[in-house]
C-alpha atoms as a PDB file:
ATOM      1  CA  MET A   1     -19.263 -26.878 -16.855  1.00  0.00           C
ATOM      2  CA  SER A   2     -22.892 -26.847 -15.762  1.00  0.00           C
ATOM      3  CA  ASP A   3     -25.411 -24.261 -16.907  1.00  0.00           C
ATOM      4  CA  LYS A   4     -25.097 -22.517 -13.529  1.00  0.00           C
ATOM      5  CA  GLU A   5     -21.327 -22.236 -13.705  1.00  0.00           C
ATOM      6  CA  SER A   6     -19.387 -19.479 -15.424  1.00  0.00           C
ATOM      7  CA  GLY A   7     -15.777 -18.804 -16.267  1.00  0.00           C
ATOM      8  CA  TYR A   8     -15.508 -16.976 -12.967  1.00  0.00           C
ATOM      9  CA  THR A   9     -16.525 -20.103 -11.081  1.00  0.00           C
ATOM     10  CA  VAL A  10     -13.812 -22.081 -12.826  1.00  0.00           C
ATOM     11  CA  MET A  11     -11.293 -19.304 -12.258  1.00  0.00           C
ATOM     12  CA  ALA A  12     -12.048 -19.227  -8.532  1.00  0.00           C
ATOM     13  CA  ARG A  13     -11.577 -22.977  -8.246  1.00  0.00           C
ATOM     14  CA  GLN A  14      -8.272 -22.864 -10.103  1.00  0.00           C
ATOM     15  CA  SER A  15      -6.814 -19.936  -8.185  1.00  0.00           C
ATOM     16  CA  LEU A  16      -4.047 -20.744  -5.699  1.00  0.00           C
ATOM     17  CA  HIS A  17      -5.692 -18.642  -2.945  1.00  0.00           C
ATOM     18  CA  GLN A  18      -2.320 -17.959  -1.342  1.00  0.00           C
ATOM     19  CA  ILE A  19      -1.801 -15.136   1.135  1.00  0.00           C
ATOM     20  CA  GLY A  20       1.153 -12.858   0.489  1.00  0.00           C
ATOM     21  CA  VAL A  21       2.630 -10.396  -1.966  1.00  0.00           C
ATOM     22  CA  GLY A  22       3.349 -12.191  -5.195  1.00  0.00           C
ATOM     23  CA  ALA A  23       4.208  -9.027  -7.090  1.00  0.00           C
ATOM     24  CA  ALA A  24       3.446  -5.332  -7.200  1.00  0.00           C
ATOM     25  CA  LEU A  25       2.455  -2.726  -9.691  1.00  0.00           C
ATOM     26  CA  ILE A  26       4.604   0.299  -8.841  1.00  0.00           C
ATOM     27  CA  SER A  27       3.773   3.494 -10.685  1.00  0.00           C
ATOM     28  CA  MET A  28       5.345   6.902 -10.082  1.00  0.00           C
ATOM     29  CA  VAL A  29       3.552   9.506 -12.178  1.00  0.00           C
ATOM     30  CA  GLU A  30       3.939  13.214 -12.895  1.00  0.00           C
ATOM     31  CA  PRO A  31       0.755  15.136 -13.816  1.00  0.00           C
ATOM     32  CA  ALA A  32       1.153  17.917 -16.336  1.00  0.00           C
ATOM     33  CA  VAL A  33       1.590  21.375 -14.846  1.00  0.00           C
ATOM     34  CA  GLY A  34      -1.822  22.978 -14.524  1.00  0.00           C
ATOM     35  CA  SER A  35      -3.731  19.671 -14.592  1.00  0.00           C
ATOM     36  CA  GLU A  36      -2.943  18.510 -11.055  1.00  0.00           C
ATOM     37  CA  LEU A  37      -6.468  18.897  -9.693  1.00  0.00           C
ATOM     38  CA  GLU A  38      -8.157  17.230 -12.654  1.00  0.00           C
ATOM     39  CA  TYR A  39      -5.610  14.420 -12.628  1.00  0.00           C
ATOM     40  CA  ASN A  40      -6.134  13.753  -8.923  1.00  0.00           C
ATOM     41  CA  ARG A  41      -9.889  13.616  -9.259  1.00  0.00           C
ATOM     42  CA  TRP A  42      -9.691  11.312 -12.321  1.00  0.00           C
ATOM     43  CA  TYR A  43      -7.333   8.935 -10.586  1.00  0.00           C
ATOM     44  CA  GLU A  44      -9.228   8.807  -7.297  1.00  0.00           C
ATOM     45  CA  ASP A  45     -12.753   8.812  -8.698  1.00  0.00           C
ATOM     46  CA  ASP A  46     -12.186   6.514 -11.673  1.00  0.00           C
ATOM     47  CA  HIS A  47      -8.804   4.980 -12.387  1.00  0.00           C
ATOM     48  CA  PHE A  48      -7.878   3.720  -8.902  1.00  0.00           C
ATOM     49  CA  TYR A  49     -10.958   1.523  -9.058  1.00  0.00           C
ATOM     50  CA  ALA A  50     -11.727   0.876 -12.737  1.00  0.00           C
ATOM     51  CA  GLY A  51      -8.078   0.657 -13.765  1.00  0.00           C
ATOM     52  CA  ALA A  52      -6.758  -1.284 -10.783  1.00  0.00           C
ATOM     53  CA  MET A  53      -8.868  -2.507  -7.849  1.00  0.00           C
ATOM     54  CA  TYR A  54     -11.576  -3.761 -10.226  1.00  0.00           C
ATOM     55  CA  MET A  55      -9.207  -6.548 -11.311  1.00  0.00           C
ATOM     56  CA  PRO A  56      -9.437  -9.982  -9.708  1.00  0.00           C
ATOM     57  CA  TRP A  57      -5.830 -10.514  -8.522  1.00  0.00           C
ATOM     58  CA  MET A  58      -5.045  -6.972  -7.391  1.00  0.00           C
ATOM     59  CA  TYR A  59      -6.126  -7.203  -3.780  1.00  0.00           C
ATOM     60  CA  ALA A  60      -4.679  -4.053  -2.141  1.00  0.00           C
ATOM     61  CA  GLY A  61      -3.796  -0.569  -3.307  1.00  0.00           C
ATOM     62  CA  ARG A  62      -2.746   2.793  -1.941  1.00  0.00           C
ATOM     63  CA  ARG A  63      -1.688   6.190  -3.257  1.00  0.00           C
ATOM     64  CA  PHE A  64       1.162   8.309  -1.931  1.00  0.00           C
ATOM     65  CA  VAL A  65       2.165  11.875  -2.705  1.00  0.00           C
ATOM     66  CA  ALA A  66       5.373  13.905  -2.634  1.00  0.00           C
ATOM     67  CA  THR A  67       4.718  17.547  -1.831  1.00  0.00           C
ATOM     68  CA  ARG A  68       7.346  20.039  -2.961  1.00  0.00           C
ATOM     69  CA  PRO A  69       9.309  19.901   0.339  1.00  0.00           C
ATOM     70  CA  LEU A  70       9.436  16.101   0.070  1.00  0.00           C
ATOM     71  CA  GLN A  71      10.507  16.264  -3.576  1.00  0.00           C
ATOM     72  CA  LEU A  72      13.435  18.464  -2.609  1.00  0.00           C
ATOM     73  CA  LEU A  73      14.804  15.785  -0.261  1.00  0.00           C
ATOM     74  CA  ARG A  74      15.359  13.345  -3.127  1.00  0.00           C
ATOM     75  CA  TYR A  75      18.756  12.237  -4.358  1.00  0.00           C
ATOM     76  CA  PRO A  76      21.099  11.580  -6.133  1.00  0.00           C
ATOM     77  CA  ALA A  77      21.285  14.770  -8.150  1.00  0.00           C
ATOM     78  CA  THR A  78      21.507  12.779 -11.389  1.00  0.00           C
ATOM     79  CA  SER A  79      19.030   9.907 -11.516  1.00  0.00           C
ATOM     80  CA  LEU A  80      18.195   7.390 -14.218  1.00  0.00           C
ATOM     81  CA  ILE A  81      14.719   7.130 -12.715  1.00  0.00           C
ATOM     82  CA  ALA A  82      13.533  10.732 -12.323  1.00  0.00           C
ATOM     83  CA  ASP A  83      14.511  13.518 -14.709  1.00  0.00           C
ATOM     84  CA  PRO A  84      14.200  16.125 -13.359  1.00  0.00           C
ATOM     85  CA  LEU A  85      14.716  14.701  -9.895  1.00  0.00           C
ATOM     86  CA  THR A  86      11.434  16.208  -8.656  1.00  0.00           C
ATOM     87  CA  ALA A  87       9.375  14.413 -11.343  1.00  0.00           C
ATOM     88  CA  GLY A  88       6.822  11.950 -10.020  1.00  0.00           C
ATOM     89  CA  CYS A  89       4.488  13.680  -7.555  1.00  0.00           C
ATOM     90  CA  TYR A  90       2.345  10.589  -7.084  1.00  0.00           C
ATOM     91  CA  LEU A  91       3.271   6.996  -6.259  1.00  0.00           C
ATOM     92  CA  HIS A  92       0.648   4.297  -6.793  1.00  0.00           C
ATOM     93  CA  LEU A  93       1.208   0.871  -5.224  1.00  0.00           C
ATOM     94  CA  TYR A  94      -0.796  -2.312  -5.726  1.00  0.00           C
ATOM     95  CA  TRP A  95      -0.265  -5.839  -4.419  1.00  0.00           C
ATOM     96  CA  ILE A  96      -0.866  -8.840  -6.686  1.00  0.00           C
ATOM     97  CA  THR A  97      -1.898 -12.276  -5.453  1.00  0.00           C
ATOM     98  CA  PRO A  98       0.922 -14.885  -5.442  1.00  0.00           C
ATOM     99  CA  GLY A  99       0.877 -17.122  -8.501  1.00  0.00           C
ATOM    100  CA  HIS A 100      -1.187 -14.755 -10.652  1.00  0.00           C
ATOM    101  CA  THR A 101       1.242 -12.089 -11.839  1.00  0.00           C
ATOM    102  CA  GLU A 102       1.010 -13.039 -15.510  1.00  0.00           C
ATOM    103  CA  ASP A 103      -2.767 -13.317 -15.238  1.00  0.00           C
ATOM    104  CA  GLN A 104      -2.844  -9.830 -13.751  1.00  0.00           C
ATOM    105  CA  ILE A 105      -0.631  -8.381 -16.475  1.00  0.00           C
ATOM    106  CA  ARG A 106      -2.883  -9.801 -19.213  1.00  0.00           C
ATOM    107  CA  TRP A 107      -5.988  -8.448 -17.464  1.00  0.00           C
ATOM    108  CA  SER A 108      -4.335  -5.037 -16.958  1.00  0.00           C
ATOM    109  CA  VAL A 109      -3.373  -4.702 -20.616  1.00  0.00           C
ATOM    110  CA  ALA A 110      -6.899  -5.564 -21.753  1.00  0.00           C
ATOM    111  CA  THR A 111      -8.449  -3.223 -19.173  1.00  0.00           C
ATOM    112  CA  ASN A 112      -6.325  -0.284 -20.241  1.00  0.00           C
ATOM    113  CA  GLU A 113      -7.097  -0.962 -23.898  1.00  0.00           C
ATOM    114  CA  PHE A 114     -10.800  -0.751 -23.066  1.00  0.00           C
ATOM    115  CA  LEU A 115     -10.455   2.380 -20.922  1.00  0.00           C
ATOM    116  CA  ARG A 116      -8.304   4.118 -23.497  1.00  0.00           C
ATOM    117  CA  ALA A 117     -10.767   3.345 -26.302  1.00  0.00           C
ATOM    118  CA  ASN A 118     -13.540   4.818 -24.156  1.00  0.00           C
ATOM    119  CA  ASN A 119     -11.672   8.037 -23.295  1.00  0.00           C
ATOM    120  CA  ARG A 120     -11.172   7.043 -19.659  1.00  0.00           C
ATOM    121  CA  ILE A 121      -7.379   7.440 -19.542  1.00  0.00           C
ATOM    122  CA  ASP A 122      -6.093  10.863 -18.529  1.00  0.00           C
ATOM    123  CA  LEU A 123      -3.154  11.524 -20.841  1.00  0.00           C
ATOM    124  CA  SER A 124      -2.115  14.769 -19.147  1.00  0.00           C
ATOM    125  CA  ARG A 125       0.551  12.956 -17.138  1.00  0.00           C
ATOM    126  CA  ARG A 126       3.918  11.236 -17.567  1.00  0.00           C
ATOM    127  CA  HIS A 127       4.916   7.811 -16.300  1.00  0.00           C
ATOM    128  CA  VAL A 128       8.244   8.362 -14.552  1.00  0.00           C
ATOM    129  CA  TYR A 129       8.743   4.852 -13.147  1.00  0.00           C
ATOM    130  CA  THR A 130       6.047   2.277 -13.835  1.00  0.00           C
ATOM    131  CA  SER A 131       6.327  -1.512 -13.994  1.00  0.00           C
ATOM    132  CA  PHE A 132       5.135  -4.814 -12.638  1.00  0.00           C
ATOM    133  CA  GLN A 133       7.690  -6.016 -10.118  1.00  0.00           C
ATOM    134  CA  ASP A 134       8.231  -9.446  -8.582  1.00  0.00           C
ATOM    135  CA  HIS A 135       8.453  -9.716  -4.809  1.00  0.00           C
ATOM    136  CA  VAL A 136      12.000 -10.544  -3.667  1.00  0.00           C
ATOM    137  CA  GLY A 137      12.040 -10.076   0.112  1.00  0.00           C
ATOM    138  CA  SER A 138      10.494  -8.542   3.213  1.00  0.00           C
ATOM    139  CA  TRP A 139      12.167  -7.297   6.392  1.00  0.00           C
ATOM    140  CA  TYR A 140      10.381  -6.484   9.641  1.00  0.00           C
ATOM    141  CA  ARG A 141      11.171  -4.416  12.702  1.00  0.00           C
ATOM    142  CA  ASP A 142       8.745  -6.319  14.932  1.00  0.00           C
ATOM    143  CA  VAL A 143       8.275 -10.029  15.461  1.00  0.00           C
ATOM    144  CA  ARG A 144       4.546  -9.458  15.478  1.00  0.00           C
ATOM    145  CA  GLY A 145       2.618  -6.750  13.701  1.00  0.00           C
ATOM    146  CA  PRO A 146       1.630  -5.890  10.140  1.00  0.00           C
ATOM    147  CA  ARG A 147       3.199  -8.161   7.507  1.00  0.00           C
ATOM    148  CA  ASP A 148       3.938  -7.258   3.912  1.00  0.00           C
ATOM    149  CA  PHE A 149       0.455  -8.199   2.692  1.00  0.00           C
ATOM    150  CA  HIS A 150      -1.019  -5.766   5.278  1.00  0.00           C
ATOM    151  CA  ALA A 151       1.248  -2.858   4.295  1.00  0.00           C
ATOM    152  CA  LEU A 152      -1.142  -1.037   1.951  1.00  0.00           C
ATOM    153  CA  ASP A 153      -4.043  -1.340   4.398  1.00  0.00           C
ATOM    154  CA  TYR A 154      -2.228  -0.386   7.609  1.00  0.00           C
ATOM    155  CA  PRO A 155      -2.247   3.406   8.192  1.00  0.00           C
ATOM    156  CA  TYR A 156       1.474   4.025   7.872  1.00  0.00           C
ATOM    157  CA  ARG A 157       2.321   7.724   7.971  1.00  0.00           C
ATOM    158  CA  GLY A 158       5.081   7.696   5.388  1.00  0.00           C
ATOM    159  CA  LEU A 159       7.032   5.757   2.833  1.00  0.00           C
ATOM    160  CA  VAL A 160      10.500   5.997   1.286  1.00  0.00           C
ATOM    161  CA  MET A 161      11.163   4.385  -2.083  1.00  0.00           C
ATOM    162  CA  GLU A 162      14.713   3.477  -3.035  1.00  0.00           C
ATOM    163  CA  VAL A 163      15.813   2.258  -6.441  1.00  0.00           C
ATOM    164  CA  LEU A 164      19.171   0.451  -6.416  1.00  0.00           C
ATOM    165  CA  ASP A 165      21.119  -0.921  -9.379  1.00  0.00           C
ATOM    166  CA  ALA A 166      23.852  -3.532  -9.476  1.00  0.00           C
ATOM    167  CA  PRO A 167      27.209  -1.976 -10.423  1.00  0.00           C
ATOM    168  CA  LYS A 168      29.020  -3.051 -13.569  1.00  0.00           C
ATOM    169  CA  GLY A 169      30.174  -6.651 -13.295  1.00  0.00           C
ATOM    170  CA  CYS A 170      27.613  -7.508 -10.573  1.00  0.00           C
ATOM    171  CA  GLN A 171      24.111  -8.956 -10.598  1.00  0.00           C
ATOM    172  CA  ARG A 172      20.805  -8.194  -8.943  1.00  0.00           C
ATOM    173  CA  SER A 173      21.394 -11.131  -6.588  1.00  0.00           C
ATOM    174  CA  ASP A 174      24.545  -9.402  -5.305  1.00  0.00           C
ATOM    175  CA  VAL A 175      22.493  -6.343  -4.384  1.00  0.00           C
ATOM    176  CA  ASP A 176      19.958  -8.578  -2.645  1.00  0.00           C
ATOM    177  CA  THR A 177      22.722 -10.207  -0.584  1.00  0.00           C
ATOM    178  CA  CYS A 178      24.032  -6.796   0.452  1.00  0.00           C
ATOM    179  CA  LEU A 179      20.553  -5.728   1.533  1.00  0.00           C
ATOM    180  CA  ARG A 180      20.078  -8.761   3.757  1.00  0.00           C
ATOM    181  CA  GLU A 181      23.569  -8.913   5.232  1.00  0.00           C
ATOM    182  CA  THR A 182      24.563  -5.265   5.515  1.00  0.00           C
ATOM    183  CA  TYR A 183      22.179  -2.499   4.518  1.00  0.00           C
ATOM    184  CA  LEU A 184      18.943  -3.489   6.245  1.00  0.00           C
ATOM    185  CA  PRO A 185      20.612  -4.469   9.566  1.00  0.00           C
ATOM    186  CA  TRP A 186      22.284  -1.038   9.504  1.00  0.00           C
ATOM    187  CA  LEU A 187      19.056   0.773   8.595  1.00  0.00           C
ATOM    188  CA  TYR A 188      17.161  -0.943  11.446  1.00  0.00           C
ATOM    189  CA  ARG A 189      20.019  -0.420  13.911  1.00  0.00           C
ATOM    190  CA  THR A 190      18.333   1.806  16.506  1.00  0.00           C
ATOM    191  CA  PRO A 191      15.693   0.632  19.017  1.00  0.00           C
ATOM    192  CA  ASP A 192      13.484   3.632  18.240  1.00  0.00           C
ATOM    193  CA  ASN A 193      13.599   2.916  14.503  1.00  0.00           C
ATOM    194  CA  PRO A 194      10.455   4.310  12.810  1.00  0.00           C
ATOM    195  CA  ILE A 195      10.774   1.949   9.834  1.00  0.00           C
ATOM    196  CA  ALA A 196       8.209  -0.785  10.426  1.00  0.00           C
ATOM    197  CA  GLN A 197       8.923  -2.903   7.373  1.00  0.00           C
ATOM    198  CA  THR A 198      10.814  -2.937   4.093  1.00  0.00           C
ATOM    199  CA  ILE A 199       9.598  -4.825   1.029  1.00  0.00           C
ATOM    200  CA  TRP A 200      11.691  -5.088  -2.100  1.00  0.00           C
ATOM    201  CA  PHE A 201      10.959  -6.052  -5.673  1.00  0.00           C
ATOM    202  CA  ALA A 202      12.611  -6.846  -9.013  1.00  0.00           C
ATOM    203  CA  PRO A 203      11.096  -5.028 -12.021  1.00  0.00           C
ATOM    204  CA  GLN A 204       9.856  -7.079 -14.949  1.00  0.00           C
ATOM    205  CA  PRO A 205      10.191  -5.825 -18.527  1.00  0.00           C
ATOM    206  CA  LEU A 206       6.942  -4.234 -19.632  1.00  0.00           C
ATOM    207  CA  PRO A 207       4.821  -6.422 -21.937  1.00  0.00           C
ATOM    208  CA  GLY A 208       5.042  -5.854 -25.672  1.00  0.00           C
ATOM    209  CA  ASP A 209       1.418  -4.717 -25.856  1.00  0.00           C
ATOM    210  CA  LYS A 210       1.795  -2.136 -23.066  1.00  0.00           C
ATOM    211  CA  MET A 211       0.351   1.359 -23.309  1.00  0.00           C
ATOM    212  CA  PRO A 212       2.491   3.435 -25.697  1.00  0.00           C
ATOM    213  CA  ASP A 213       3.247   6.138 -23.124  1.00  0.00           C
ATOM    214  CA  VAL A 214       4.913   3.728 -20.639  1.00  0.00           C
ATOM    215  CA  ALA A 215       8.546   2.664 -21.080  1.00  0.00           C
ATOM    216  CA  ASP A 216      11.161   0.648 -19.202  1.00  0.00           C
ATOM    217  CA  VAL A 217      13.951   2.591 -17.517  1.00  0.00           C
ATOM    218  CA  PRO A 218      17.336   1.279 -18.754  1.00  0.00           C
ATOM    219  CA  GLY A 219      19.186  -1.055 -16.390  1.00  0.00           C
ATOM    220  CA  ILE A 220      16.160  -3.104 -15.411  1.00  0.00           C
ATOM    221  CA  ASP A 221      18.019  -6.451 -15.232  1.00  0.00           C
ATOM    222  CA  GLY A 222      20.126  -5.390 -12.266  1.00  0.00           C
ATOM    223  CA  ARG A 223      17.549  -3.288 -10.431  1.00  0.00           C
ATOM    224  CA  LEU A 224      15.753  -3.629  -7.089  1.00  0.00           C
ATOM    225  CA  THR A 225      13.022  -1.327  -5.758  1.00  0.00           C
ATOM    226  CA  LEU A 226      12.746  -0.958  -1.980  1.00  0.00           C
ATOM    227  CA  LEU A 227       9.650   0.315  -0.196  1.00  0.00           C
ATOM    228  CA  HIS A 228      10.217   1.373   3.429  1.00  0.00           C
ATOM    229  CA  PHE A 229       6.956   1.805   5.363  1.00  0.00           C
ATOM    230  CA  LEU A 230       7.203   4.296   8.239  1.00  0.00           C
ATOM    231  CA  ASP A 231       5.373   5.017  11.461  1.00  0.00           C
ATOM    232  CA  SER A 232       6.306   8.688  11.044  1.00  0.00           C
ATOM    233  CA  ASP A 233       6.413  11.417   8.445  1.00  0.00           C
ATOM    234  CA  PRO A 234       9.628  10.809   6.448  1.00  0.00           C
ATOM    235  CA  ARG A 235      10.909  14.262   7.393  1.00  0.00           C
ATOM    236  CA  ASP A 236      10.940  13.268  11.066  1.00  0.00           C
ATOM    237  CA  CYS A 237      13.503  10.516  10.485  1.00  0.00           C
ATOM    238  CA  TRP A 238      15.174  11.631   7.269  1.00  0.00           C
ATOM    239  CA  ASP A 239      18.445  12.965   8.691  1.00  0.00           C
ATOM    240  CA  GLN A 240      19.068   9.916  10.855  1.00  0.00           C
ATOM    241  CA  HIS A 241      18.039   7.135   8.464  1.00  0.00           C
ATOM    242  CA  PHE A 242      17.817   8.258   4.849  1.00  0.00           C
ATOM    243  CA  ALA A 243      19.667  11.525   4.122  1.00  0.00           C
ATOM    244  CA  GLU A 244      22.497  11.163   1.633  1.00  0.00           C
ATOM    245  CA  PRO A 245      25.309  12.241   4.035  1.00  0.00           C
ATOM    246  CA  THR A 246      24.275   9.599   6.597  1.00  0.00           C
ATOM    247  CA  ARG A 247      24.379   6.617   4.217  1.00  0.00           C
ATOM    248  CA  ARG A 248      27.116   4.093   4.770  1.00  0.00           C
ATOM    249  CA  PRO A 249      29.399   4.138   1.698  1.00  0.00           C
ATOM    250  CA  THR A 250      29.254   0.966  -0.374  1.00  0.00           C
ATOM    251  CA  ASP A 251      30.258  -0.227  -3.805  1.00  0.00           C
ATOM    252  CA  ALA A 252      27.717  -3.064  -3.679  1.00  0.00           C
ATOM    253  CA  TYR A 253      25.029  -1.049  -5.467  1.00  0.00           C
ATOM    254  CA  VAL A 254      24.395   2.217  -7.275  1.00  0.00           C
ATOM    255  CA  VAL A 255      21.719   4.467  -5.755  1.00  0.00           C
ATOM    256  CA  GLN A 256      19.425   5.643  -8.553  1.00  0.00           C
ATOM    257  CA  LEU A 257      16.704   7.240  -6.428  1.00  0.00           C
ATOM    258  CA  VAL A 258      15.754   7.812  -2.809  1.00  0.00           C
ATOM    259  CA  ALA A 259      12.349   9.498  -2.585  1.00  0.00           C
ATOM    260  CA  PRO A 260      10.030  10.142   0.391  1.00  0.00           C
ATOM    261  CA  PHE A 261       6.229  10.162   0.219  1.00  0.00           C
ATOM    262  CA  ILE A 262       3.226  10.522   2.503  1.00  0.00           C
ATOM    263  CA  PRO A 263      -0.206   8.920   1.973  1.00  0.00           C
ATOM    264  CA  VAL A 264      -2.918  10.836   0.187  1.00  0.00           C
ATOM    265  CA  LEU A 265      -6.213  11.392   1.971  1.00  0.00           C
ATOM    266  CA  PRO A 266      -8.618   9.446  -0.278  1.00  0.00           C
ATOM    267  CA  GLY A 267     -11.576  11.323  -1.678  1.00  0.00           C
ATOM    268  CA  THR A 268     -10.006  14.744  -1.122  1.00  0.00           C
ATOM    269  CA  ASP A 269      -7.717  17.135  -2.966  1.00  0.00           C
ATOM    270  CA  ARG A 270      -5.436  17.594   0.005  1.00  0.00           C
ATOM    271  CA  TYR A 271      -1.807  18.271  -1.021  1.00  0.00           C
ATOM    272  CA  VAL A 272      -2.709  19.089  -4.645  1.00  0.00           C
ATOM    273  CA  ASP A 273      -1.815  22.746  -4.024  1.00  0.00           C
ATOM    274  CA  GLU A 274       1.515  21.721  -2.447  1.00  0.00           C
ATOM    275  CA  LEU A 275       3.064  19.959  -5.460  1.00  0.00           C
ATOM    276  CA  ARG A 276       4.721  22.954  -7.115  1.00  0.00           C
ATOM    277  CA  GLU A 277       6.957  25.825  -6.082  1.00  0.00           C
END
């Protein structure tokens, strides 16, 4: 290495430079009651950047929020993911460059160690569902249009997250087959379908040196997380596409959570006063 080169020069030359979604950091978080405003400002003004977008392989990010009316649409009544079911007002999504998931995890752990030691982690919140998740598949409504790697930059108006588990005696791959052959063709069945794309992921176990207040939700080995990106507010298409009574019965997977969100308006406190009863 010449005097003019640095580790960053070497890192850039060794990167794969692939376009796509290699993995995601998916984080559903519940701020403590009474700290919602302070939490929102900390996350938007500091952590979104210093704790995420600052990192070299995390190339896109977006925050979503579930106001109280959206929280009340969630199901099933008993969920392994959210307890109580309304927990997790905010959903934070980040895309990771293909081929660099492990690099990103190492960088994230070190970053959070630094921020925590310097009192830049807001502890007045609970991680409801947080993990690094490997990209498994993407499904599109349109032949042309935003692809999965555009999804966090395109101004979609809503998002629905589903968490599905393989039933006893089945594997995650069985759930994936059902998605491709049955569920997604049914979900995209109407010509006026507002769901533009669906991206799904397989959670990884959290690293051993993770932050102490983050934990894996049991059942991780058979789990898939689906993110449906919508052209409309989820409430406008909920009854037709996502409501529990309209789902086609299946024994191919166990529904652990179906939760709608809308995007936050960055730099503002919009929706903060709509999180509680």
